[in-house]
């Protein structure tokens, strides 16, 4: 993307002020990334086996001897390789939990870190959408729970319960 921007700048006569603003923005993004993900504490270092347990370069990892042996067993299982290609990373590690509990638990600890950040960001976005200038006094507990949940309501069951409760007759077409 930045190569395209560089080519665009060369082709078009772009104001140098715009280039300076973009450059400043990219530098601030780099600083933010370094603050959130310091290079010394990079979670990927030694944990790339989680992304692809079948890769040949899984020697530099943070595993003890029994975990390394489990990883070798796992990576030599061709039926698991096809399952790995079918499932998402989280679902794969949950799938192998019974057979490789040490690896599965360690992988899930790393993978779950990022999903919790996602839920936090989603909740803040939902609060911003719910609490508008016109709805600033609104109690948002129930609305926020509905906005963040991934559960699907059982509408037919709820409607049937309310029909029975209030003796409402439903006209079907």
C-alpha atoms as a PDB file:
ATOM      1  CA  UNK A   1       0.000   0.000   0.000  1.00  0.00           C
ATOM      2  CA  UNK A   2       2.789   2.446   0.856  1.00  0.00           C
ATOM      3  CA  UNK A   3       4.645   1.535  -2.327  1.00  0.00           C
ATOM      4  CA  UNK A   4       1.526   2.568  -4.237  1.00  0.00           C
ATOM      5  CA  UNK A   5       1.419   5.829  -2.304  1.00  0.00           C
ATOM      6  CA  UNK A   6       5.089   6.430  -3.088  1.00  0.00           C
ATOM      7  CA  UNK A   7       4.436   5.817  -6.804  1.00  0.00           C
ATOM      8  CA  UNK A   8       1.382   8.077  -6.661  1.00  0.00           C
ATOM      9  CA  UNK A   9       3.457  10.878  -5.153  1.00  0.00           C
ATOM     10  CA  UNK A  10       6.036  10.519  -7.922  1.00  0.00           C
ATOM     11  CA  UNK A  11       3.445  10.482 -10.713  1.00  0.00           C
ATOM     12  CA  UNK A  12       1.247  13.286  -9.441  1.00  0.00           C
ATOM     13  CA  UNK A  13       2.304  16.637  -8.196  1.00  0.00           C
ATOM     14  CA  UNK A  14       1.308  16.088  -4.571  1.00  0.00           C
ATOM     15  CA  UNK A  15       1.602  18.903  -2.072  1.00  0.00           C
ATOM     16  CA  UNK A  16       4.571  18.217   0.228  1.00  0.00           C
ATOM     17  CA  UNK A  17       2.435  19.276   3.165  1.00  0.00           C
ATOM     18  CA  UNK A  18       0.140  16.297   2.542  1.00  0.00           C
ATOM     19  CA  UNK A  19       3.154  14.004   2.345  1.00  0.00           C
ATOM     20  CA  UNK A  20       4.434  15.372   5.664  1.00  0.00           C
ATOM     21  CA  UNK A  21       1.021  14.779   7.302  1.00  0.00           C
ATOM     22  CA  UNK A  22       0.923  11.176   6.049  1.00  0.00           C
ATOM     23  CA  UNK A  23       4.485  10.598   7.204  1.00  0.00           C
ATOM     24  CA  UNK A  24       3.738  12.036  10.655  1.00  0.00           C
ATOM     25  CA  UNK A  25       0.629   9.859  10.917  1.00  0.00           C
ATOM     26  CA  UNK A  26       2.590   6.717  10.016  1.00  0.00           C
ATOM     27  CA  UNK A  27       5.268   7.551  12.577  1.00  0.00           C
ATOM     28  CA  UNK A  28       2.631   7.987  15.294  1.00  0.00           C
ATOM     29  CA  UNK A  29       1.102   4.626  14.306  1.00  0.00           C
ATOM     30  CA  UNK A  30       4.519   3.009  14.620  1.00  0.00           C
ATOM     31  CA  UNK A  31       4.958   4.502  18.088  1.00  0.00           C
ATOM     32  CA  UNK A  32       1.511   3.259  19.124  1.00  0.00           C
ATOM     33  CA  UNK A  33       2.249  -0.250  17.882  1.00  0.00           C
ATOM     34  CA  UNK A  34       5.558  -0.275  19.739  1.00  0.00           C
ATOM     35  CA  UNK A  35       3.801   0.845  22.918  1.00  0.00           C
ATOM     36  CA  UNK A  36       1.115  -1.853  22.661  1.00  0.00           C
ATOM     37  CA  UNK A  37       3.370  -4.559  21.222  1.00  0.00           C
ATOM     38  CA  UNK A  38       6.966  -4.024  22.391  1.00  0.00           C
ATOM     39  CA  UNK A  39       9.512  -5.912  20.306  1.00  0.00           C
ATOM     40  CA  UNK A  40      11.050  -7.450  23.414  1.00  0.00           C
ATOM     41  CA  UNK A  41       7.678  -8.903  24.456  1.00  0.00           C
ATOM     42  CA  UNK A  42       6.441  -9.838  20.980  1.00  0.00           C
ATOM     43  CA  UNK A  43       3.881 -12.628  21.599  1.00  0.00           C
ATOM     44  CA  UNK A  44       4.705 -14.179  18.229  1.00  0.00           C
ATOM     45  CA  UNK A  45       8.308 -14.857  19.241  1.00  0.00           C
ATOM     46  CA  UNK A  46       8.489 -18.544  20.078  1.00  0.00           C
ATOM     47  CA  UNK A  47       4.774 -19.089  19.440  1.00  0.00           C
ATOM     48  CA  UNK A  48       4.570 -19.383  15.663  1.00  0.00           C
ATOM     49  CA  UNK A  49       3.772 -23.079  16.093  1.00  0.00           C
ATOM     50  CA  UNK A  50       0.258 -21.936  17.071  1.00  0.00           C
ATOM     51  CA  UNK A  51      -0.296 -20.335  13.666  1.00  0.00           C
ATOM     52  CA  UNK A  52       0.952 -23.393  11.782  1.00  0.00           C
ATOM     53  CA  UNK A  53       1.899 -26.481  13.801  1.00  0.00           C
ATOM     54  CA  UNK A  54       2.783 -28.284  10.544  1.00  0.00           C
ATOM     55  CA  UNK A  55       5.453 -25.781   9.450  1.00  0.00           C
ATOM     56  CA  UNK A  56       9.014 -27.032   9.177  1.00  0.00           C
ATOM     57  CA  UNK A  57      10.493 -24.065  11.097  1.00  0.00           C
ATOM     58  CA  UNK A  58       9.036 -24.881  14.535  1.00  0.00           C
ATOM     59  CA  UNK A  59      12.424 -25.305  16.231  1.00  0.00           C
ATOM     60  CA  UNK A  60      12.597 -21.855  17.884  1.00  0.00           C
ATOM     61  CA  UNK A  61       9.633 -22.107  20.205  1.00  0.00           C
ATOM     62  CA  UNK A  62       8.832 -21.655  23.890  1.00  0.00           C
ATOM     63  CA  UNK A  63       7.950 -25.278  24.581  1.00  0.00           C
ATOM     64  CA  UNK A  64       9.320 -27.713  27.125  1.00  0.00           C
ATOM     65  CA  UNK A  65      10.469 -31.171  26.041  1.00  0.00           C
ATOM     66  CA  UNK A  66       7.115 -32.951  26.457  1.00  0.00           C
ATOM     67  CA  UNK A  67       5.324 -30.161  24.558  1.00  0.00           C
ATOM     68  CA  UNK A  68       7.919 -30.395  21.760  1.00  0.00           C
ATOM     69  CA  UNK A  69       7.327 -34.137  21.527  1.00  0.00           C
ATOM     70  CA  UNK A  70       3.566 -33.556  21.369  1.00  0.00           C
ATOM     71  CA  UNK A  71       4.089 -30.988  18.616  1.00  0.00           C
ATOM     72  CA  UNK A  72       6.168 -33.485  16.629  1.00  0.00           C
ATOM     73  CA  UNK A  73       3.416 -36.106  17.021  1.00  0.00           C
ATOM     74  CA  UNK A  74       0.750 -33.606  16.019  1.00  0.00           C
ATOM     75  CA  UNK A  75       2.675 -32.332  12.987  1.00  0.00           C
ATOM     76  CA  UNK A  76       3.186 -35.860  11.678  1.00  0.00           C
ATOM     77  CA  UNK A  77      -0.551 -36.667  11.737  1.00  0.00           C
ATOM     78  CA  UNK A  78      -1.851 -36.164   8.179  1.00  0.00           C
ATOM     79  CA  UNK A  79      -5.535 -36.387   9.186  1.00  0.00           C
ATOM     80  CA  UNK A  80      -5.016 -33.445  11.556  1.00  0.00           C
ATOM     81  CA  UNK A  81      -3.391 -31.455   8.751  1.00  0.00           C
ATOM     82  CA  UNK A  82      -6.596 -31.655   6.702  1.00  0.00           C
ATOM     83  CA  UNK A  83      -8.597 -30.670   9.793  1.00  0.00           C
ATOM     84  CA  UNK A  84      -6.215 -27.741  10.335  1.00  0.00           C
ATOM     85  CA  UNK A  85      -6.939 -26.487   6.812  1.00  0.00           C
ATOM     86  CA  UNK A  86     -10.715 -26.784   7.351  1.00  0.00           C
ATOM     87  CA  UNK A  87     -11.015 -25.132  10.770  1.00  0.00           C
ATOM     88  CA  UNK A  88     -10.080 -21.738  12.175  1.00  0.00           C
ATOM     89  CA  UNK A  89      -7.064 -21.576  14.505  1.00  0.00           C
ATOM     90  CA  UNK A  90      -9.188 -21.509  17.681  1.00  0.00           C
ATOM     91  CA  UNK A  91     -11.465 -24.306  16.515  1.00  0.00           C
ATOM     92  CA  UNK A  92      -8.483 -26.452  15.538  1.00  0.00           C
ATOM     93  CA  UNK A  93      -6.852 -26.125  18.954  1.00  0.00           C
ATOM     94  CA  UNK A  94     -10.171 -26.920  20.625  1.00  0.00           C
ATOM     95  CA  UNK A  95     -10.543 -29.922  18.316  1.00  0.00           C
ATOM     96  CA  UNK A  96      -7.189 -31.413  19.407  1.00  0.00           C
ATOM     97  CA  UNK A  97      -7.706 -30.607  23.101  1.00  0.00           C
ATOM     98  CA  UNK A  98      -8.349 -34.221  24.160  1.00  0.00           C
ATOM     99  CA  UNK A  99      -5.393 -35.671  22.270  1.00  0.00           C
ATOM    100  CA  UNK A 100      -2.901 -32.817  22.879  1.00  0.00           C
ATOM    101  CA  UNK A 101      -4.082 -31.010  26.041  1.00  0.00           C
ATOM    102  CA  UNK A 102      -0.776 -29.258  26.826  1.00  0.00           C
ATOM    103  CA  UNK A 103      -0.445 -27.741  23.366  1.00  0.00           C
ATOM    104  CA  UNK A 104      -4.117 -26.863  23.150  1.00  0.00           C
ATOM    105  CA  UNK A 105      -4.136 -25.054  26.484  1.00  0.00           C
ATOM    106  CA  UNK A 106      -0.968 -23.121  25.687  1.00  0.00           C
ATOM    107  CA  UNK A 107      -2.276 -22.148  22.225  1.00  0.00           C
ATOM    108  CA  UNK A 108      -5.633 -21.004  23.572  1.00  0.00           C
ATOM    109  CA  UNK A 109      -3.976 -18.775  26.175  1.00  0.00           C
ATOM    110  CA  UNK A 110      -2.190 -16.928  23.385  1.00  0.00           C
ATOM    111  CA  UNK A 111      -5.170 -16.802  21.007  1.00  0.00           C
ATOM    112  CA  UNK A 112      -7.703 -15.675  23.628  1.00  0.00           C
ATOM    113  CA  UNK A 113      -5.709 -12.533  24.456  1.00  0.00           C
ATOM    114  CA  UNK A 114      -6.745 -10.970  21.182  1.00  0.00           C
ATOM    115  CA  UNK A 115     -10.398 -11.954  21.315  1.00  0.00           C
ATOM    116  CA  UNK A 116     -10.813 -10.268  24.700  1.00  0.00           C
ATOM    117  CA  UNK A 117      -9.425  -7.037  23.251  1.00  0.00           C
ATOM    118  CA  UNK A 118     -11.916  -7.374  20.408  1.00  0.00           C
ATOM    119  CA  UNK A 119     -14.857  -7.721  22.822  1.00  0.00           C
ATOM    120  CA  UNK A 120     -13.724  -4.655  24.743  1.00  0.00           C
ATOM    121  CA  UNK A 121     -13.491  -2.597  21.539  1.00  0.00           C
ATOM    122  CA  UNK A 122     -16.890  -3.888  20.402  1.00  0.00           C
ATOM    123  CA  UNK A 123     -18.452  -2.900  23.723  1.00  0.00           C
ATOM    124  CA  UNK A 124     -17.053   0.636  23.569  1.00  0.00           C
ATOM    125  CA  UNK A 125     -18.355   1.003  20.016  1.00  0.00           C
ATOM    126  CA  UNK A 126     -21.772  -0.242  21.107  1.00  0.00           C
ATOM    127  CA  UNK A 127     -21.905   2.261  23.981  1.00  0.00           C
ATOM    128  CA  UNK A 128     -21.114   5.064  21.551  1.00  0.00           C
ATOM    129  CA  UNK A 129     -23.919   3.936  19.259  1.00  0.00           C
ATOM    130  CA  UNK A 130     -26.447   3.516  22.089  1.00  0.00           C
ATOM    131  CA  UNK A 131     -25.662   6.665  24.079  1.00  0.00           C
ATOM    132  CA  UNK A 132     -26.449   9.456  21.669  1.00  0.00           C
ATOM    133  CA  UNK A 133     -27.175  13.068  22.468  1.00  0.00           C
ATOM    134  CA  UNK A 134     -30.892  12.277  22.526  1.00  0.00           C
ATOM    135  CA  UNK A 135     -30.537   9.118  24.633  1.00  0.00           C
ATOM    136  CA  UNK A 136     -27.946  10.265  27.168  1.00  0.00           C
ATOM    137  CA  UNK A 137     -30.121   9.469  30.234  1.00  0.00           C
ATOM    138  CA  UNK A 138     -30.948   5.954  29.034  1.00  0.00           C
ATOM    139  CA  UNK A 139     -30.048   2.905  31.175  1.00  0.00           C
ATOM    140  CA  UNK A 140     -27.934   0.882  28.788  1.00  0.00           C
ATOM    141  CA  UNK A 141     -27.345  -2.377  30.683  1.00  0.00           C
ATOM    142  CA  UNK A 142     -29.891  -4.454  28.766  1.00  0.00           C
ATOM    143  CA  UNK A 143     -29.326  -2.712  25.433  1.00  0.00           C
ATOM    144  CA  UNK A 144     -25.572  -3.164  25.754  1.00  0.00           C
ATOM    145  CA  UNK A 145     -25.957  -6.853  26.587  1.00  0.00           C
ATOM    146  CA  UNK A 146     -28.029  -7.301  23.418  1.00  0.00           C
ATOM    147  CA  UNK A 147     -25.544  -5.342  21.314  1.00  0.00           C
ATOM    148  CA  UNK A 148     -22.498  -7.339  22.411  1.00  0.00           C
ATOM    149  CA  UNK A 149     -23.880 -10.883  22.614  1.00  0.00           C
ATOM    150  CA  UNK A 150     -23.455 -13.384  19.807  1.00  0.00           C
ATOM    151  CA  UNK A 151     -26.414 -15.461  20.971  1.00  0.00           C
ATOM    152  CA  UNK A 152     -29.454 -15.625  18.726  1.00  0.00           C
ATOM    153  CA  UNK A 153     -32.789 -15.137  20.534  1.00  0.00           C
ATOM    154  CA  UNK A 154     -35.332 -17.944  20.253  1.00  0.00           C
ATOM    155  CA  UNK A 155     -38.065 -15.665  18.965  1.00  0.00           C
ATOM    156  CA  UNK A 156     -40.592 -18.376  18.138  1.00  0.00           C
ATOM    157  CA  UNK A 157     -40.291 -19.825  21.646  1.00  0.00           C
ATOM    158  CA  UNK A 158     -40.654 -16.384  23.267  1.00  0.00           C
ATOM    159  CA  UNK A 159     -43.668 -15.529  21.107  1.00  0.00           C
ATOM    160  CA  UNK A 160     -45.323 -18.874  21.844  1.00  0.00           C
ATOM    161  CA  UNK A 161     -44.786 -18.415  25.585  1.00  0.00           C
ATOM    162  CA  UNK A 162     -46.345 -14.934  25.445  1.00  0.00           C
ATOM    163  CA  UNK A 163     -49.263 -16.165  23.335  1.00  0.00           C
ATOM    164  CA  UNK A 164     -50.008 -18.851  25.924  1.00  0.00           C
ATOM    165  CA  UNK A 165     -49.544 -16.425  28.806  1.00  0.00           C
ATOM    166  CA  UNK A 166     -51.942 -13.814  27.431  1.00  0.00           C
ATOM    167  CA  UNK A 167     -54.187 -16.211  25.488  1.00  0.00           C
ATOM    168  CA  UNK A 168     -53.428 -14.486  22.218  1.00  0.00           C
ATOM    169  CA  UNK A 169     -54.665 -16.299  19.167  1.00  0.00           C
ATOM    170  CA  UNK A 170     -52.299 -16.269  16.261  1.00  0.00           C
ATOM    171  CA  UNK A 171     -53.775 -16.008  12.802  1.00  0.00           C
ATOM    172  CA  UNK A 172     -51.666 -17.932  10.318  1.00  0.00           C
ATOM    173  CA  UNK A 173     -51.900 -17.403   6.634  1.00  0.00           C
END
